[in-house]
Amino acid sequence: MQRRSIYIVIFSTLFGVLAWFSVTMREDYETTVLSPFVLKEIPAGMAVQTPLPRTVQLRFRGEGWRLAGVLLAHAPRLVFSATMLPAGHKPLTFKDFADRISLAPGVRLLEAKPDSLLI
């Protein structure tokens, strides 16, 4: 009888934790991630004039399950091709960052630091 009650306590505790976790993950959360910044395909004979950061700090908001899926699947990366950038000194802005990151429905990019980069 003693052994059976231990199994009931363990099962009840696990069930309670899973139920709590399921309800908790339905809420909206915000998280900040350091995302690698990569500038590739720099044409021969050209160079980047200003130093670029290795990472960009991105802040996301979304439902717990969806946000966990985005962060656990792979860390978001900001990859830009130098050949696709317009000539001259045009900054990459928050909108450019948001366009480069593919996110699950319900997950939004709220902020990027730095919010623009002059290349």
N, C-alpha and C. Protein backbone atom coordinates (compact mmCIF):
# COMPACT_ATOMS: atom_id res chain seq x y z
N MET A 1 0.81 -1.19 0.00
CA MET A 1 0.00 0.00 0.00
C MET A 1 0.86 1.27 0.00
N GLN A 2 1.95 1.24 0.77
CA GLN A 2 2.87 2.38 0.87
C GLN A 2 3.48 2.72 -0.50
N ARG A 3 3.86 1.70 -1.23
CA ARG A 3 4.49 1.91 -2.53
C ARG A 3 3.50 2.53 -3.52
N ARG A 4 2.26 2.10 -3.49
CA ARG A 4 1.24 2.63 -4.39
C ARG A 4 0.97 4.11 -4.13
N SER A 5 0.97 4.52 -2.89
CA SER A 5 0.72 5.93 -2.57
C SER A 5 1.87 6.83 -3.03
N ILE A 6 3.09 6.31 -3.04
CA ILE A 6 4.22 7.09 -3.54
C ILE A 6 4.04 7.36 -5.04
N TYR A 7 3.60 6.36 -5.79
CA TYR A 7 3.36 6.55 -7.22
C TYR A 7 2.24 7.57 -7.47
N ILE A 8 1.22 7.53 -6.64
CA ILE A 8 0.11 8.48 -6.78
C ILE A 8 0.60 9.90 -6.51
N VAL A 9 1.42 10.10 -5.50
CA VAL A 9 1.97 11.42 -5.18
C VAL A 9 2.86 11.92 -6.32
N ILE A 10 3.72 11.07 -6.83
CA ILE A 10 4.60 11.45 -7.94
C ILE A 10 3.79 11.81 -9.18
N PHE A 11 2.81 10.98 -9.53
CA PHE A 11 1.97 11.25 -10.70
C PHE A 11 1.20 12.55 -10.52
N SER A 12 0.62 12.76 -9.36
CA SER A 12 -0.15 13.98 -9.10
C SER A 12 0.73 15.22 -9.20
N THR A 13 1.93 15.13 -8.66
CA THR A 13 2.85 16.27 -8.73
C THR A 13 3.24 16.58 -10.17
N LEU A 14 3.57 15.57 -10.95
CA LEU A 14 3.92 15.77 -12.36
C LEU A 14 2.75 16.35 -13.14
N PHE A 15 1.56 15.83 -12.90
CA PHE A 15 0.38 16.33 -13.59
C PHE A 15 0.14 17.80 -13.24
N GLY A 16 0.29 18.16 -11.97
CA GLY A 16 0.11 19.54 -11.54
C GLY A 16 1.13 20.48 -12.18
N VAL A 17 2.38 20.05 -12.24
CA VAL A 17 3.43 20.87 -12.85
C VAL A 17 3.15 21.06 -14.34
N LEU A 18 2.76 20.00 -15.03
CA LEU A 18 2.44 20.11 -16.47
C LEU A 18 1.24 21.02 -16.72
N ALA A 19 0.22 20.91 -15.87
CA ALA A 19 -0.95 21.78 -16.03
C ALA A 19 -0.57 23.24 -15.79
N TRP A 20 0.22 23.50 -14.74
CA TRP A 20 0.66 24.86 -14.46
C TRP A 20 1.50 25.41 -15.62
N PHE A 21 2.42 24.60 -16.14
CA PHE A 21 3.28 25.02 -17.23
C PHE A 21 2.47 25.33 -18.48
N SER A 22 1.48 24.51 -18.77
CA SER A 22 0.64 24.71 -19.94
C SER A 22 -0.13 26.03 -19.86
N VAL A 23 -0.69 26.32 -18.70
CA VAL A 23 -1.44 27.57 -18.53
C VAL A 23 -0.50 28.77 -18.56
N THR A 24 0.65 28.66 -17.94
CA THR A 24 1.61 29.76 -17.87
C THR A 24 2.14 30.12 -19.26
N MET A 25 2.38 29.14 -20.10
CA MET A 25 2.96 29.40 -21.42
C MET A 25 1.97 30.03 -22.40
N ARG A 26 0.72 30.19 -22.02
CA ARG A 26 -0.26 30.87 -22.87
C ARG A 26 -0.19 32.38 -22.75
N GLU A 27 0.49 32.87 -21.73
CA GLU A 27 0.62 34.31 -21.51
C GLU A 27 1.61 34.91 -22.51
N ASP A 28 1.56 36.24 -22.65
CA ASP A 28 2.53 36.94 -23.48
C ASP A 28 3.76 37.28 -22.66
N TYR A 29 4.92 37.11 -23.27
CA TYR A 29 6.19 37.39 -22.62
C TYR A 29 7.06 38.22 -23.55
N GLU A 30 8.06 38.86 -22.95
CA GLU A 30 9.08 39.56 -23.72
C GLU A 30 10.42 38.94 -23.38
N THR A 31 11.28 38.85 -24.38
CA THR A 31 12.62 38.35 -24.15
C THR A 31 13.60 39.09 -25.04
N THR A 32 14.82 39.17 -24.60
CA THR A 32 15.88 39.84 -25.34
C THR A 32 16.93 38.81 -25.74
N VAL A 33 17.36 38.88 -27.00
CA VAL A 33 18.31 37.92 -27.54
C VAL A 33 19.43 38.68 -28.24
N LEU A 34 20.66 38.20 -28.09
CA LEU A 34 21.77 38.74 -28.86
C LEU A 34 21.83 37.97 -30.18
N SER A 35 21.63 38.67 -31.27
CA SER A 35 21.59 38.06 -32.59
C SER A 35 22.87 38.39 -33.35
N PRO A 36 23.52 37.40 -33.96
CA PRO A 36 24.71 37.69 -34.76
C PRO A 36 24.37 38.58 -35.95
N PHE A 37 25.24 39.54 -36.22
CA PHE A 37 25.08 40.42 -37.39
C PHE A 37 26.15 40.03 -38.39
N VAL A 38 25.72 39.68 -39.60
CA VAL A 38 26.65 39.22 -40.63
C VAL A 38 26.47 40.06 -41.89
N LEU A 39 27.57 40.61 -42.39
CA LEU A 39 27.57 41.31 -43.68
C LEU A 39 28.43 40.48 -44.61
N LYS A 40 27.80 39.94 -45.65
CA LYS A 40 28.53 39.04 -46.55
C LYS A 40 28.54 39.60 -47.96
N GLU A 41 29.31 38.95 -48.82
CA GLU A 41 29.42 39.29 -50.24
C GLU A 41 29.86 40.74 -50.47
N ILE A 42 30.92 41.14 -49.79
CA ILE A 42 31.47 42.47 -50.00
C ILE A 42 32.24 42.44 -51.31
N PRO A 43 31.90 43.31 -52.27
CA PRO A 43 32.57 43.28 -53.58
C PRO A 43 34.08 43.53 -53.46
N ALA A 44 34.81 42.94 -54.40
CA ALA A 44 36.26 43.12 -54.43
C ALA A 44 36.60 44.59 -54.63
N GLY A 45 37.60 45.06 -53.93
CA GLY A 45 38.01 46.45 -54.05
C GLY A 45 37.22 47.38 -53.17
N MET A 46 36.28 46.85 -52.40
CA MET A 46 35.47 47.69 -51.50
C MET A 46 35.70 47.21 -50.07
N ALA A 47 35.47 48.11 -49.13
CA ALA A 47 35.62 47.77 -47.71
C ALA A 47 34.55 48.48 -46.91
N VAL A 48 34.31 47.99 -45.74
CA VAL A 48 33.36 48.63 -44.83
C VAL A 48 34.11 49.74 -44.12
N GLN A 49 33.56 50.95 -44.20
CA GLN A 49 34.24 52.13 -43.67
C GLN A 49 34.10 52.24 -42.15
N THR A 50 32.93 51.87 -41.63
CA THR A 50 32.70 52.01 -40.20
C THR A 50 32.71 50.63 -39.53
N PRO A 51 33.15 50.56 -38.29
CA PRO A 51 33.12 49.27 -37.60
C PRO A 51 31.68 48.82 -37.36
N LEU A 52 31.44 47.55 -37.59
CA LEU A 52 30.10 47.00 -37.40
C LEU A 52 30.08 46.12 -36.15
N PRO A 53 28.96 46.09 -35.44
CA PRO A 53 28.89 45.23 -34.26
C PRO A 53 28.81 43.76 -34.66
N ARG A 54 29.32 42.90 -33.81
CA ARG A 54 29.22 41.46 -34.07
C ARG A 54 27.81 40.96 -33.76
N THR A 55 27.14 41.63 -32.82
CA THR A 55 25.78 41.22 -32.44
C THR A 55 24.87 42.43 -32.35
N VAL A 56 23.58 42.16 -32.49
CA VAL A 56 22.55 43.18 -32.32
C VAL A 56 21.59 42.63 -31.28
N GLN A 57 21.23 43.45 -30.33
CA GLN A 57 20.31 43.04 -29.28
C GLN A 57 18.87 43.21 -29.78
N LEU A 58 18.11 42.12 -29.82
CA LEU A 58 16.74 42.14 -30.32
C LEU A 58 15.78 41.80 -29.19
N ARG A 59 14.68 42.55 -29.09
CA ARG A 59 13.67 42.28 -28.07
C ARG A 59 12.39 41.82 -28.76
N PHE A 60 11.89 40.65 -28.35
CA PHE A 60 10.71 40.05 -28.95
C PHE A 60 9.58 39.99 -27.93
N ARG A 61 8.35 39.95 -28.44
CA ARG A 61 7.17 39.76 -27.60
C ARG A 61 6.27 38.76 -28.29
N GLY A 62 5.72 37.83 -27.50
CA GLY A 62 4.80 36.85 -28.06
C GLY A 62 4.31 35.88 -27.01
N GLU A 63 3.39 35.03 -27.43
CA GLU A 63 2.88 33.99 -26.55
C GLU A 63 4.02 33.05 -26.18
N GLY A 64 4.02 32.59 -24.95
CA GLY A 64 5.11 31.78 -24.44
C GLY A 64 5.49 30.60 -25.32
N TRP A 65 4.49 29.85 -25.80
CA TRP A 65 4.79 28.68 -26.64
C TRP A 65 5.46 29.09 -27.94
N ARG A 66 4.93 30.11 -28.58
CA ARG A 66 5.49 30.55 -29.87
C ARG A 66 6.88 31.16 -29.69
N LEU A 67 7.05 31.93 -28.65
CA LEU A 67 8.35 32.54 -28.37
C LEU A 67 9.39 31.46 -28.06
N ALA A 68 9.01 30.47 -27.31
CA ALA A 68 9.94 29.37 -27.01
C ALA A 68 10.32 28.62 -28.29
N GLY A 69 9.36 28.44 -29.19
CA GLY A 69 9.65 27.76 -30.45
C GLY A 69 10.65 28.52 -31.29
N VAL A 70 10.53 29.83 -31.33
CA VAL A 70 11.46 30.66 -32.11
C VAL A 70 12.86 30.60 -31.50
N LEU A 71 12.93 30.69 -30.19
CA LEU A 71 14.24 30.75 -29.53
C LEU A 71 14.91 29.39 -29.43
N LEU A 72 14.14 28.32 -29.32
CA LEU A 72 14.74 27.00 -29.20
C LEU A 72 15.10 26.38 -30.55
N ALA A 73 14.35 26.75 -31.60
CA ALA A 73 14.62 26.19 -32.93
C ALA A 73 15.99 26.66 -33.43
N HIS A 74 16.21 27.94 -33.42
CA HIS A 74 17.50 28.51 -33.83
C HIS A 74 17.51 29.97 -33.41
N ALA A 75 18.66 30.46 -33.07
CA ALA A 75 18.77 31.87 -32.70
C ALA A 75 18.60 32.71 -33.96
N PRO A 76 17.79 33.76 -33.89
CA PRO A 76 17.62 34.62 -35.07
C PRO A 76 18.96 35.25 -35.47
N ARG A 77 19.20 35.32 -36.77
CA ARG A 77 20.43 35.92 -37.30
C ARG A 77 20.06 37.04 -38.26
N LEU A 78 20.85 38.10 -38.24
CA LEU A 78 20.69 39.20 -39.18
C LEU A 78 21.79 39.07 -40.23
N VAL A 79 21.41 38.64 -41.42
CA VAL A 79 22.37 38.45 -42.50
C VAL A 79 22.02 39.41 -43.63
N PHE A 80 22.97 40.24 -44.00
CA PHE A 80 22.78 41.19 -45.09
C PHE A 80 23.86 40.97 -46.13
N SER A 81 23.50 41.11 -47.38
CA SER A 81 24.45 41.02 -48.47
C SER A 81 24.85 42.43 -48.88
N ALA A 82 26.14 42.68 -48.94
CA ALA A 82 26.62 44.02 -49.31
C ALA A 82 26.22 44.37 -50.74
N THR A 83 26.07 43.37 -51.60
CA THR A 83 25.69 43.65 -52.99
C THR A 83 24.24 44.11 -53.10
N MET A 84 23.43 43.80 -52.12
CA MET A 84 22.01 44.18 -52.16
C MET A 84 21.76 45.55 -51.53
N LEU A 85 22.77 46.09 -50.85
CA LEU A 85 22.59 47.39 -50.21
C LEU A 85 22.74 48.50 -51.24
N PRO A 86 21.99 49.58 -51.09
CA PRO A 86 22.13 50.70 -52.03
C PRO A 86 23.49 51.38 -51.87
N ALA A 87 23.96 51.97 -52.95
CA ALA A 87 25.25 52.67 -52.92
C ALA A 87 25.15 53.91 -52.04
N GLY A 88 26.25 54.29 -51.46
CA GLY A 88 26.26 55.48 -50.61
C GLY A 88 26.17 55.10 -49.14
N HIS A 89 25.88 56.10 -48.35
CA HIS A 89 25.84 55.92 -46.90
C HIS A 89 24.40 55.86 -46.41
N LYS A 90 23.72 54.78 -46.72
CA LYS A 90 22.34 54.62 -46.25
C LYS A 90 22.33 53.70 -45.04
N PRO A 91 21.67 54.11 -43.96
CA PRO A 91 21.67 53.26 -42.77
C PRO A 91 20.71 52.08 -42.91
N LEU A 92 21.08 50.98 -42.27
CA LEU A 92 20.14 49.88 -42.09
C LEU A 92 19.32 50.23 -40.86
N THR A 93 18.02 50.20 -40.98
CA THR A 93 17.16 50.63 -39.88
C THR A 93 16.44 49.44 -39.24
N PHE A 94 15.67 49.75 -38.22
CA PHE A 94 14.87 48.74 -37.53
C PHE A 94 13.97 48.00 -38.51
N LYS A 95 13.41 48.71 -39.48
CA LYS A 95 12.54 48.08 -40.48
C LYS A 95 13.31 47.03 -41.29
N ASP A 96 14.54 47.36 -41.66
CA ASP A 96 15.38 46.39 -42.38
C ASP A 96 15.64 45.15 -41.53
N PHE A 97 15.88 45.36 -40.24
CA PHE A 97 16.11 44.22 -39.34
C PHE A 97 14.86 43.35 -39.27
N ALA A 98 13.70 44.00 -39.11
CA ALA A 98 12.44 43.27 -38.98
C ALA A 98 12.13 42.48 -40.26
N ASP A 99 12.50 43.02 -41.42
CA ASP A 99 12.25 42.33 -42.69
C ASP A 99 13.14 41.10 -42.85
N ARG A 100 14.32 41.07 -42.23
CA ARG A 100 15.27 39.97 -42.40
C ARG A 100 15.00 38.78 -41.49
N ILE A 101 14.25 38.99 -40.43
CA ILE A 101 14.02 37.92 -39.47
C ILE A 101 12.66 37.29 -39.72
N SER A 102 12.66 35.98 -39.92
CA SER A 102 11.40 35.27 -40.09
C SER A 102 10.94 34.77 -38.73
N LEU A 103 9.74 35.18 -38.34
CA LEU A 103 9.21 34.85 -37.03
C LEU A 103 7.90 34.08 -37.16
N ALA A 104 7.59 33.31 -36.14
CA ALA A 104 6.32 32.59 -36.10
C ALA A 104 5.19 33.60 -35.96
N PRO A 105 4.00 33.27 -36.46
CA PRO A 105 2.85 34.16 -36.27
C PRO A 105 2.63 34.42 -34.78
N GLY A 106 2.37 35.65 -34.43
CA GLY A 106 2.14 35.99 -33.04
C GLY A 106 3.38 36.44 -32.30
N VAL A 107 4.54 36.39 -32.93
CA VAL A 107 5.78 36.88 -32.32
C VAL A 107 6.18 38.15 -33.05
N ARG A 108 6.44 39.20 -32.30
CA ARG A 108 6.78 40.50 -32.89
C ARG A 108 8.16 40.95 -32.42
N LEU A 109 8.86 41.61 -33.31
CA LEU A 109 10.11 42.25 -32.97
C LEU A 109 9.77 43.64 -32.46
N LEU A 110 10.12 43.93 -31.21
CA LEU A 110 9.77 45.22 -30.62
C LEU A 110 10.86 46.26 -30.74
N GLU A 111 12.11 45.81 -30.60
CA GLU A 111 13.20 46.76 -30.52
C GLU A 111 14.51 46.11 -30.95
N ALA A 112 15.40 46.91 -31.48
CA ALA A 112 16.74 46.46 -31.82
C ALA A 112 17.73 47.51 -31.31
N LYS A 113 18.83 47.04 -30.73
CA LYS A 113 19.88 47.95 -30.27
C LYS A 113 21.18 47.49 -30.86
N PRO A 114 21.85 48.25 -31.65
CA PRO A 114 21.48 49.58 -32.10
C PRO A 114 20.30 49.52 -33.07
N ASP A 115 19.52 50.59 -33.12
CA ASP A 115 18.33 50.59 -33.97
C ASP A 115 18.63 50.92 -35.42
N SER A 116 19.85 51.35 -35.70
CA SER A 116 20.27 51.56 -37.10
C SER A 116 21.79 51.44 -37.18
N LEU A 117 22.25 51.04 -38.36
CA LEU A 117 23.68 50.90 -38.61
C LEU A 117 24.02 51.59 -39.91
N LEU A 118 25.03 52.43 -39.89
CA LEU A 118 25.49 53.10 -41.10
C LEU A 118 26.62 52.29 -41.69
N ILE A 119 26.41 51.80 -42.93
CA ILE A 119 27.41 50.96 -43.58
C ILE A 119 28.00 51.71 -44.74
